[in-house]
């Protein structure tokens, strides 16, 4: 039996997750800029205008998540693990950043619109993409874990095995 053989190669199974994270990061980056075209702006329906609040809460984590997703698709284990970390941090910031925003800035964050549309905007701009990025980043961390492969010794043929009974 051979123990301790650890594969060190990159896994192509990370490519779909990296692509999903890249697209979600691009969405988190683009939706505050172009959401006004289809009545899906966060604070208003203005297009291609964003405040410092949107930069800190949506645009920067969107860029970091897209970068992390791209790094996950590169065939290097170190870049993939770092990309997974970037994606995790960006997703976590999308999910909880709005709650900590009043700590360093004055004011609160509230989307505009009816009660239903405010909920949809929270999910579509911050919480939904952030949660999915966290899920995919967590899955990719499992793909990059080191695994020990145990190879069993070949079985001994039955005719070579003899059992002697003492008389």
N, C-alpha and C. Protein backbone atom coordinates (compact mmCIF):
# COMPACT_ATOMS: atom_id res chain seq x y z
N UNK A 1 0.84 -1.16 0.00
CA UNK A 1 0.00 0.00 0.00
C UNK A 1 0.90 1.24 0.00
N UNK A 2 0.58 2.18 -0.86
CA UNK A 2 1.37 3.39 -0.98
C UNK A 2 0.59 4.57 -0.42
N UNK A 3 1.12 5.17 0.62
CA UNK A 3 0.45 6.31 1.24
C UNK A 3 1.19 7.59 0.91
N UNK A 4 0.48 8.69 1.01
CA UNK A 4 1.14 9.98 0.91
C UNK A 4 1.29 10.53 -0.49
N UNK A 5 0.79 9.89 -1.50
CA UNK A 5 0.86 10.43 -2.85
C UNK A 5 -0.17 11.54 -2.96
N UNK A 6 0.29 12.76 -3.18
CA UNK A 6 -0.62 13.90 -3.25
C UNK A 6 -0.51 14.54 -4.62
N UNK A 7 -1.61 14.63 -5.33
CA UNK A 7 -1.55 15.31 -6.62
C UNK A 7 -1.37 16.80 -6.42
N UNK A 8 -0.54 17.40 -7.22
CA UNK A 8 -0.29 18.83 -7.09
C UNK A 8 -0.72 19.59 -8.34
N UNK A 9 -1.45 18.96 -9.20
CA UNK A 9 -1.84 19.61 -10.44
C UNK A 9 -3.12 20.42 -10.25
N UNK A 10 -3.32 21.35 -11.13
CA UNK A 10 -4.51 22.20 -11.14
C UNK A 10 -5.68 21.37 -11.63
N UNK A 11 -6.87 21.69 -11.18
CA UNK A 11 -8.05 20.95 -11.60
C UNK A 11 -8.90 21.80 -12.54
N UNK A 12 -9.25 21.27 -13.69
CA UNK A 12 -10.12 22.04 -14.60
C UNK A 12 -11.56 22.13 -14.10
N UNK A 13 -11.88 21.44 -13.02
CA UNK A 13 -13.22 21.53 -12.46
C UNK A 13 -13.51 22.92 -11.90
N UNK A 14 -12.48 23.73 -11.71
CA UNK A 14 -12.67 25.08 -11.17
C UNK A 14 -13.12 26.07 -12.25
N UNK A 15 -13.00 25.72 -13.52
CA UNK A 15 -13.33 26.66 -14.59
C UNK A 15 -14.79 27.11 -14.55
N UNK A 16 -15.78 26.21 -14.44
CA UNK A 16 -17.17 26.70 -14.41
C UNK A 16 -17.46 27.60 -13.21
N UNK A 17 -16.86 27.29 -12.07
CA UNK A 17 -17.07 28.12 -10.89
C UNK A 17 -16.39 29.47 -11.06
N UNK A 18 -15.20 29.46 -11.64
CA UNK A 18 -14.51 30.72 -11.90
C UNK A 18 -15.29 31.59 -12.88
N UNK A 19 -15.86 30.97 -13.90
CA UNK A 19 -16.66 31.73 -14.87
C UNK A 19 -17.91 32.30 -14.20
N UNK A 20 -18.57 31.51 -13.36
CA UNK A 20 -19.76 32.00 -12.66
C UNK A 20 -19.40 33.17 -11.75
N UNK A 21 -18.29 33.06 -11.04
CA UNK A 21 -17.86 34.15 -10.16
C UNK A 21 -17.50 35.38 -10.97
N UNK A 22 -16.81 35.19 -12.09
CA UNK A 22 -16.46 36.32 -12.96
C UNK A 22 -17.72 37.03 -13.43
N UNK A 23 -18.74 36.28 -13.88
CA UNK A 23 -19.97 36.89 -14.37
C UNK A 23 -20.74 37.59 -13.24
N UNK A 24 -20.77 36.98 -12.06
CA UNK A 24 -21.45 37.62 -10.93
C UNK A 24 -20.72 38.90 -10.50
N UNK A 25 -19.39 38.88 -10.54
CA UNK A 25 -18.63 40.08 -10.24
C UNK A 25 -18.87 41.17 -11.27
N UNK A 26 -18.95 40.77 -12.54
CA UNK A 26 -19.26 41.74 -13.59
C UNK A 26 -20.66 42.33 -13.40
N UNK A 27 -21.61 41.48 -12.97
CA UNK A 27 -22.96 41.96 -12.69
C UNK A 27 -22.94 42.97 -11.54
N UNK A 28 -22.26 42.63 -10.46
CA UNK A 28 -22.20 43.52 -9.30
C UNK A 28 -21.55 44.85 -9.68
N UNK A 29 -20.60 44.81 -10.61
CA UNK A 29 -19.95 46.04 -11.07
C UNK A 29 -20.86 46.83 -12.00
N UNK A 30 -21.53 46.15 -12.92
CA UNK A 30 -22.26 46.84 -13.98
C UNK A 30 -23.66 47.30 -13.57
N UNK A 31 -24.32 46.59 -12.68
CA UNK A 31 -25.71 46.92 -12.40
C UNK A 31 -25.90 48.33 -11.81
N UNK A 32 -25.01 48.86 -10.98
CA UNK A 32 -25.25 50.24 -10.56
C UNK A 32 -25.02 51.26 -11.68
N UNK A 33 -24.25 50.87 -12.69
CA UNK A 33 -23.97 51.79 -13.79
C UNK A 33 -25.06 51.79 -14.86
N UNK A 34 -25.59 50.61 -15.18
CA UNK A 34 -26.55 50.50 -16.28
C UNK A 34 -27.94 50.09 -15.81
N UNK A 35 -28.14 49.91 -14.53
CA UNK A 35 -29.44 49.48 -14.02
C UNK A 35 -30.55 50.46 -14.31
N UNK A 36 -30.25 51.73 -14.44
CA UNK A 36 -31.26 52.73 -14.74
C UNK A 36 -31.91 52.54 -16.09
N UNK A 37 -31.22 51.91 -17.03
CA UNK A 37 -31.80 51.67 -18.36
C UNK A 37 -33.02 50.77 -18.29
N UNK A 38 -33.03 49.84 -17.34
CA UNK A 38 -34.18 48.94 -17.21
C UNK A 38 -34.85 49.06 -15.84
N UNK A 39 -34.87 50.29 -15.30
CA UNK A 39 -35.55 50.62 -14.06
C UNK A 39 -35.07 49.76 -12.89
N UNK A 40 -33.75 49.55 -12.82
CA UNK A 40 -33.20 48.72 -11.76
C UNK A 40 -32.02 49.40 -11.08
N UNK A 41 -32.05 50.72 -11.01
CA UNK A 41 -31.03 51.43 -10.27
C UNK A 41 -31.24 51.22 -8.78
N UNK A 42 -30.22 51.47 -7.98
CA UNK A 42 -30.34 51.24 -6.55
C UNK A 42 -30.87 52.49 -5.84
N UNK A 43 -30.13 53.57 -5.90
CA UNK A 43 -30.57 54.80 -5.23
C UNK A 43 -31.43 55.66 -6.14
N UNK A 44 -31.26 55.54 -7.45
CA UNK A 44 -32.07 56.27 -8.42
C UNK A 44 -31.94 55.55 -9.76
N UNK A 45 -32.64 56.06 -10.74
CA UNK A 45 -32.56 55.45 -12.07
C UNK A 45 -31.59 56.20 -12.98
N UNK A 46 -30.65 56.91 -12.43
CA UNK A 46 -29.63 57.57 -13.23
C UNK A 46 -28.64 56.52 -13.72
N UNK A 47 -28.21 56.66 -14.96
CA UNK A 47 -27.25 55.71 -15.53
C UNK A 47 -25.87 56.33 -15.59
N UNK A 48 -24.86 55.51 -15.49
CA UNK A 48 -23.46 55.87 -15.58
C UNK A 48 -23.06 56.95 -14.58
N UNK A 49 -23.80 57.05 -13.49
CA UNK A 49 -23.44 57.94 -12.40
C UNK A 49 -23.46 57.11 -11.13
N UNK A 50 -22.41 57.23 -10.37
CA UNK A 50 -22.38 56.48 -9.13
C UNK A 50 -21.73 57.33 -8.06
N UNK A 51 -22.15 57.07 -6.85
CA UNK A 51 -21.62 57.83 -5.71
C UNK A 51 -20.46 57.06 -5.09
N UNK A 52 -19.83 57.69 -4.12
CA UNK A 52 -18.76 57.01 -3.39
C UNK A 52 -19.31 55.78 -2.67
N UNK A 53 -20.56 55.86 -2.24
CA UNK A 53 -21.20 54.73 -1.57
C UNK A 53 -21.29 53.54 -2.52
N UNK A 54 -21.71 53.77 -3.75
CA UNK A 54 -21.79 52.66 -4.71
C UNK A 54 -20.41 52.14 -5.06
N UNK A 55 -19.43 53.01 -5.13
CA UNK A 55 -18.08 52.57 -5.42
C UNK A 55 -17.58 51.63 -4.33
N UNK A 56 -17.81 52.01 -3.08
CA UNK A 56 -17.32 51.20 -1.96
C UNK A 56 -18.10 49.90 -1.78
N UNK A 57 -19.39 49.92 -2.06
CA UNK A 57 -20.24 48.77 -1.76
C UNK A 57 -20.49 47.85 -2.94
N UNK A 58 -20.37 48.35 -4.17
CA UNK A 58 -20.70 47.52 -5.31
C UNK A 58 -19.59 47.43 -6.35
N UNK A 59 -19.05 48.55 -6.76
CA UNK A 59 -18.09 48.54 -7.86
C UNK A 59 -16.77 47.88 -7.47
N UNK A 60 -16.21 48.25 -6.34
CA UNK A 60 -14.93 47.65 -5.91
C UNK A 60 -15.05 46.15 -5.66
N UNK A 61 -16.07 45.67 -4.92
CA UNK A 61 -16.17 44.21 -4.76
C UNK A 61 -16.49 43.50 -6.06
N UNK A 62 -17.19 44.17 -6.97
CA UNK A 62 -17.45 43.55 -8.27
C UNK A 62 -16.17 43.33 -9.06
N UNK A 63 -15.28 44.31 -9.01
CA UNK A 63 -13.99 44.18 -9.69
C UNK A 63 -13.16 43.07 -9.06
N UNK A 64 -13.12 43.04 -7.73
CA UNK A 64 -12.34 42.02 -7.02
C UNK A 64 -12.90 40.62 -7.29
N UNK A 65 -14.22 40.48 -7.31
CA UNK A 65 -14.83 39.17 -7.59
C UNK A 65 -14.53 38.73 -9.02
N UNK A 66 -14.64 39.66 -9.98
CA UNK A 66 -14.34 39.30 -11.37
C UNK A 66 -12.88 38.90 -11.52
N UNK A 67 -11.99 39.60 -10.85
CA UNK A 67 -10.57 39.24 -10.87
C UNK A 67 -10.36 37.86 -10.25
N UNK A 68 -11.02 37.61 -9.12
CA UNK A 68 -10.91 36.30 -8.49
C UNK A 68 -11.44 35.19 -9.37
N UNK A 69 -12.55 35.43 -10.05
CA UNK A 69 -13.09 34.42 -10.98
C UNK A 69 -12.15 34.16 -12.13
N UNK A 70 -11.52 35.21 -12.65
CA UNK A 70 -10.55 35.02 -13.72
C UNK A 70 -9.35 34.21 -13.24
N UNK A 71 -8.89 34.52 -12.03
CA UNK A 71 -7.74 33.80 -11.48
C UNK A 71 -8.07 32.33 -11.24
N UNK A 72 -9.32 32.04 -10.91
CA UNK A 72 -9.72 30.64 -10.72
C UNK A 72 -9.66 29.85 -12.02
N UNK A 73 -9.78 30.51 -13.13
CA UNK A 73 -9.76 29.81 -14.42
C UNK A 73 -8.36 29.62 -14.97
N UNK A 74 -7.36 30.21 -14.35
CA UNK A 74 -5.99 30.04 -14.83
C UNK A 74 -5.42 28.71 -14.34
N UNK A 75 -4.59 28.06 -15.13
CA UNK A 75 -4.10 26.73 -14.74
C UNK A 75 -2.91 26.77 -13.79
N UNK A 76 -3.07 27.43 -12.67
CA UNK A 76 -2.03 27.46 -11.64
C UNK A 76 -2.71 27.36 -10.29
N UNK A 77 -2.31 26.39 -9.50
CA UNK A 77 -2.96 26.15 -8.21
C UNK A 77 -2.87 27.37 -7.30
N UNK A 78 -1.72 28.01 -7.24
CA UNK A 78 -1.56 29.17 -6.37
C UNK A 78 -2.47 30.32 -6.77
N UNK A 79 -2.55 30.60 -8.08
CA UNK A 79 -3.44 31.65 -8.56
C UNK A 79 -4.89 31.29 -8.29
N UNK A 80 -5.22 30.03 -8.44
CA UNK A 80 -6.59 29.59 -8.19
C UNK A 80 -6.98 29.77 -6.73
N UNK A 81 -6.10 29.39 -5.84
CA UNK A 81 -6.41 29.56 -4.41
C UNK A 81 -6.53 31.04 -4.05
N UNK A 82 -5.64 31.88 -4.57
CA UNK A 82 -5.71 33.30 -4.32
C UNK A 82 -6.98 33.91 -4.93
N UNK A 83 -7.32 33.45 -6.13
CA UNK A 83 -8.57 33.91 -6.75
C UNK A 83 -9.79 33.51 -5.95
N UNK A 84 -9.77 32.31 -5.37
CA UNK A 84 -10.86 31.89 -4.51
C UNK A 84 -10.97 32.77 -3.26
N UNK A 85 -9.83 33.16 -2.72
CA UNK A 85 -9.83 34.05 -1.56
C UNK A 85 -10.37 35.42 -1.94
N UNK A 86 -9.94 35.96 -3.08
CA UNK A 86 -10.46 37.25 -3.54
C UNK A 86 -11.97 37.17 -3.73
N UNK A 87 -12.45 36.09 -4.35
CA UNK A 87 -13.88 35.94 -4.58
C UNK A 87 -14.63 35.86 -3.25
N UNK A 88 -14.07 35.12 -2.30
CA UNK A 88 -14.73 35.01 -0.99
C UNK A 88 -14.82 36.38 -0.31
N UNK A 89 -13.74 37.13 -0.32
CA UNK A 89 -13.75 38.45 0.33
C UNK A 89 -14.73 39.40 -0.37
N UNK A 90 -14.77 39.37 -1.69
CA UNK A 90 -15.70 40.23 -2.42
C UNK A 90 -17.15 39.83 -2.14
N UNK A 91 -17.44 38.54 -2.14
CA UNK A 91 -18.79 38.09 -1.84
C UNK A 91 -19.21 38.44 -0.43
N UNK A 92 -18.29 38.28 0.51
CA UNK A 92 -18.61 38.63 1.90
C UNK A 92 -18.87 40.13 2.02
N UNK A 93 -18.10 40.94 1.30
CA UNK A 93 -18.31 42.38 1.38
C UNK A 93 -19.65 42.77 0.75
N UNK A 94 -20.04 42.11 -0.32
CA UNK A 94 -21.35 42.40 -0.92
C UNK A 94 -22.49 42.04 0.04
N UNK A 95 -22.30 40.99 0.82
CA UNK A 95 -23.36 40.55 1.72
C UNK A 95 -23.43 41.42 2.98
N UNK A 96 -22.31 41.76 3.58
CA UNK A 96 -22.34 42.46 4.87
C UNK A 96 -21.85 43.90 4.82
N UNK A 97 -21.31 44.36 3.71
CA UNK A 97 -20.75 45.71 3.64
C UNK A 97 -21.78 46.79 3.92
N UNK A 98 -22.99 46.63 3.44
CA UNK A 98 -24.03 47.64 3.66
C UNK A 98 -24.35 47.81 5.14
N UNK A 99 -24.22 46.74 5.93
CA UNK A 99 -24.52 46.83 7.36
C UNK A 99 -23.45 47.62 8.10
N UNK A 100 -22.21 47.58 7.61
CA UNK A 100 -21.11 48.29 8.27
C UNK A 100 -20.87 49.68 7.68
N UNK A 101 -21.55 50.02 6.61
CA UNK A 101 -21.33 51.31 5.96
C UNK A 101 -21.54 52.49 6.91
N UNK A 102 -22.59 52.50 7.74
CA UNK A 102 -22.77 53.64 8.66
C UNK A 102 -21.65 53.79 9.69
N UNK A 103 -20.81 52.78 9.87
CA UNK A 103 -19.72 52.87 10.84
C UNK A 103 -18.68 53.90 10.38
N UNK A 104 -18.35 53.94 9.10
CA UNK A 104 -17.32 54.86 8.63
C UNK A 104 -17.88 56.02 7.80
N UNK A 105 -19.15 55.98 7.46
CA UNK A 105 -19.74 57.06 6.67
C UNK A 105 -21.03 57.52 7.34
N UNK A 106 -21.40 58.73 7.07
CA UNK A 106 -22.65 59.23 7.64
C UNK A 106 -23.81 58.82 6.73
N UNK A 107 -24.92 58.52 7.33
CA UNK A 107 -26.10 58.16 6.56
C UNK A 107 -26.31 56.66 6.47
N UNK A 108 -27.45 56.31 5.97
CA UNK A 108 -27.80 54.90 5.80
C UNK A 108 -27.97 54.61 4.32
N UNK A 109 -28.17 53.35 4.03
CA UNK A 109 -28.32 52.92 2.65
C UNK A 109 -29.73 52.38 2.48
N UNK A 110 -30.48 52.99 1.60
CA UNK A 110 -31.83 52.53 1.32
C UNK A 110 -32.09 52.63 -0.17
N UNK A 111 -32.51 51.55 -0.78
CA UNK A 111 -32.90 51.65 -2.19
C UNK A 111 -34.24 52.37 -2.30
N UNK A 112 -34.53 52.87 -3.47
CA UNK A 112 -35.79 53.58 -3.66
C UNK A 112 -36.82 52.63 -4.24
N UNK A 113 -38.05 53.07 -4.23
CA UNK A 113 -39.14 52.29 -4.83
C UNK A 113 -40.10 51.75 -3.78
N UNK A 114 -41.02 50.93 -4.25
CA UNK A 114 -42.00 50.31 -3.36
C UNK A 114 -41.32 49.27 -2.48
N UNK A 115 -42.06 48.77 -1.51
CA UNK A 115 -41.49 47.76 -0.60
C UNK A 115 -40.96 46.56 -1.37
N UNK A 116 -41.75 46.07 -2.32
CA UNK A 116 -41.33 44.90 -3.10
C UNK A 116 -40.09 45.20 -3.92
N UNK A 117 -40.06 46.36 -4.58
CA UNK A 117 -38.91 46.70 -5.42
C UNK A 117 -37.66 46.97 -4.59
N UNK A 118 -37.83 47.48 -3.37
CA UNK A 118 -36.65 47.64 -2.51
C UNK A 118 -36.04 46.29 -2.17
N UNK A 119 -36.90 45.31 -1.87
CA UNK A 119 -36.40 43.97 -1.60
C UNK A 119 -35.71 43.37 -2.81
N UNK A 120 -36.30 43.57 -3.99
CA UNK A 120 -35.70 43.05 -5.22
C UNK A 120 -34.36 43.72 -5.49
N UNK A 121 -34.28 45.01 -5.22
CA UNK A 121 -33.02 45.73 -5.43
C UNK A 121 -31.93 45.25 -4.44
N UNK A 122 -32.30 45.01 -3.19
CA UNK A 122 -31.33 44.46 -2.24
C UNK A 122 -30.81 43.13 -2.75
N UNK A 123 -31.72 42.27 -3.19
CA UNK A 123 -31.30 40.95 -3.67
C UNK A 123 -30.52 41.03 -4.97
N UNK A 124 -30.95 41.87 -5.88
CA UNK A 124 -30.31 41.93 -7.19
C UNK A 124 -28.99 42.66 -7.22
N UNK A 125 -28.81 43.62 -6.33
CA UNK A 125 -27.58 44.41 -6.34
C UNK A 125 -26.52 43.86 -5.40
N UNK A 126 -26.90 43.47 -4.19
CA UNK A 126 -25.90 43.14 -3.18
C UNK A 126 -26.00 41.71 -2.66
N UNK A 127 -27.12 41.36 -2.09
CA UNK A 127 -27.22 40.10 -1.36
C UNK A 127 -27.20 38.87 -2.25
N UNK A 128 -27.91 38.92 -3.36
CA UNK A 128 -27.95 37.77 -4.28
C UNK A 128 -26.59 37.46 -4.90
N UNK A 129 -25.97 38.42 -5.58
CA UNK A 129 -24.64 38.15 -6.14
C UNK A 129 -23.61 37.80 -5.07
N UNK A 130 -23.66 38.48 -3.94
CA UNK A 130 -22.71 38.19 -2.87
C UNK A 130 -22.87 36.79 -2.32
N UNK A 131 -24.10 36.36 -2.10
CA UNK A 131 -24.34 35.01 -1.59
C UNK A 131 -23.91 33.94 -2.57
N UNK A 132 -24.20 34.15 -3.86
CA UNK A 132 -23.78 33.17 -4.87
C UNK A 132 -22.26 33.13 -5.01
N UNK A 133 -21.63 34.28 -4.95
CA UNK A 133 -20.17 34.31 -5.02
C UNK A 133 -19.58 33.56 -3.84
N UNK A 134 -20.14 33.76 -2.64
CA UNK A 134 -19.66 33.03 -1.47
C UNK A 134 -19.82 31.53 -1.65
N UNK A 135 -20.95 31.11 -2.18
CA UNK A 135 -21.19 29.68 -2.39
C UNK A 135 -20.17 29.09 -3.37
N UNK A 136 -20.00 29.74 -4.50
CA UNK A 136 -19.07 29.22 -5.51
C UNK A 136 -17.62 29.28 -5.02
N UNK A 137 -17.26 30.34 -4.30
CA UNK A 137 -15.90 30.44 -3.78
C UNK A 137 -15.63 29.35 -2.75
N UNK A 138 -16.62 29.05 -1.92
CA UNK A 138 -16.46 27.96 -0.96
C UNK A 138 -16.29 26.62 -1.63
N UNK A 139 -17.02 26.41 -2.71
CA UNK A 139 -16.90 25.15 -3.44
C UNK A 139 -15.52 25.03 -4.08
N UNK A 140 -15.00 26.11 -4.61
CA UNK A 140 -13.68 26.03 -5.24
C UNK A 140 -12.58 25.80 -4.21
N UNK A 141 -12.76 26.28 -3.00
CA UNK A 141 -11.75 26.01 -1.98
C UNK A 141 -11.67 24.51 -1.72
N UNK A 142 -12.80 23.82 -1.80
CA UNK A 142 -12.78 22.36 -1.67
C UNK A 142 -12.07 21.69 -2.83
N UNK A 143 -12.17 22.28 -4.02
CA UNK A 143 -11.49 21.70 -5.18
C UNK A 143 -9.97 21.80 -5.06
N UNK A 144 -9.49 22.83 -4.38
CA UNK A 144 -8.05 23.03 -4.27
C UNK A 144 -7.45 22.42 -3.01
N UNK A 145 -8.25 21.73 -2.23
CA UNK A 145 -7.73 21.08 -1.02
C UNK A 145 -6.80 19.93 -1.43
N UNK A 146 -5.80 19.71 -0.64
CA UNK A 146 -4.90 18.59 -0.89
C UNK A 146 -5.60 17.31 -0.44
N UNK A 147 -5.53 16.32 -1.28
CA UNK A 147 -6.13 15.05 -0.96
C UNK A 147 -5.05 13.98 -0.97
N UNK A 148 -5.12 13.07 -0.06
CA UNK A 148 -4.20 11.94 -0.04
C UNK A 148 -4.87 10.79 -0.76
N UNK A 149 -4.20 10.26 -1.74
CA UNK A 149 -4.73 9.14 -2.51
C UNK A 149 -4.06 7.88 -1.99
N UNK A 150 -4.86 6.96 -1.57
CA UNK A 150 -4.34 5.70 -1.06
C UNK A 150 -4.52 4.66 -2.15
N UNK A 151 -3.42 4.09 -2.58
CA UNK A 151 -3.48 3.05 -3.60
C UNK A 151 -3.28 1.71 -2.91
N UNK A 152 -4.24 0.82 -3.08
CA UNK A 152 -4.16 -0.49 -2.43
C UNK A 152 -3.20 -1.40 -3.19
N UNK A 153 -2.58 -2.31 -2.46
CA UNK A 153 -1.69 -3.30 -3.08
C UNK A 153 -2.54 -4.26 -3.90
N UNK A 154 -1.98 -4.83 -4.95
CA UNK A 154 -2.76 -5.78 -5.75
C UNK A 154 -3.18 -6.97 -4.90
N UNK A 155 -4.35 -7.51 -5.15
CA UNK A 155 -4.82 -8.64 -4.33
C UNK A 155 -3.97 -9.89 -4.58
N UNK A 156 -3.81 -10.66 -3.54
CA UNK A 156 -3.05 -11.91 -3.61
C UNK A 156 -3.99 -12.99 -4.14
N UNK A 157 -3.55 -13.75 -5.17
CA UNK A 157 -4.42 -14.81 -5.69
C UNK A 157 -4.76 -15.84 -4.61
N UNK A 158 -5.94 -16.40 -4.68
CA UNK A 158 -6.43 -17.31 -3.65
C UNK A 158 -5.63 -18.61 -3.58
N UNK A 159 -5.11 -19.09 -4.69
CA UNK A 159 -4.39 -20.36 -4.66
C UNK A 159 -3.04 -20.25 -3.97
N UNK A 160 -2.48 -19.02 -3.87
CA UNK A 160 -1.21 -18.87 -3.17
C UNK A 160 -1.40 -18.77 -1.66
N UNK A 161 -2.58 -18.53 -1.22
CA UNK A 161 -2.85 -18.40 0.19
C UNK A 161 -3.17 -19.78 0.75
N UNK A 162 -2.37 -20.20 1.73
CA UNK A 162 -2.59 -21.51 2.35
C UNK A 162 -2.78 -21.32 3.85
N UNK A 163 -3.68 -22.03 4.32
CA UNK A 163 -3.93 -22.01 5.76
C UNK A 163 -3.56 -23.39 6.27
N UNK A 164 -2.65 -23.44 7.22
CA UNK A 164 -2.26 -24.72 7.80
C UNK A 164 -2.92 -24.88 9.16
N UNK A 165 -3.42 -26.04 9.37
CA UNK A 165 -4.10 -26.33 10.62
C UNK A 165 -3.16 -27.21 11.44
N UNK A 166 -2.83 -26.81 12.65
CA UNK A 166 -1.92 -27.65 13.47
C UNK A 166 -2.63 -28.94 13.87
N UNK A 167 -1.89 -30.00 13.88
CA UNK A 167 -2.46 -31.32 14.20
C UNK A 167 -2.29 -31.68 15.62
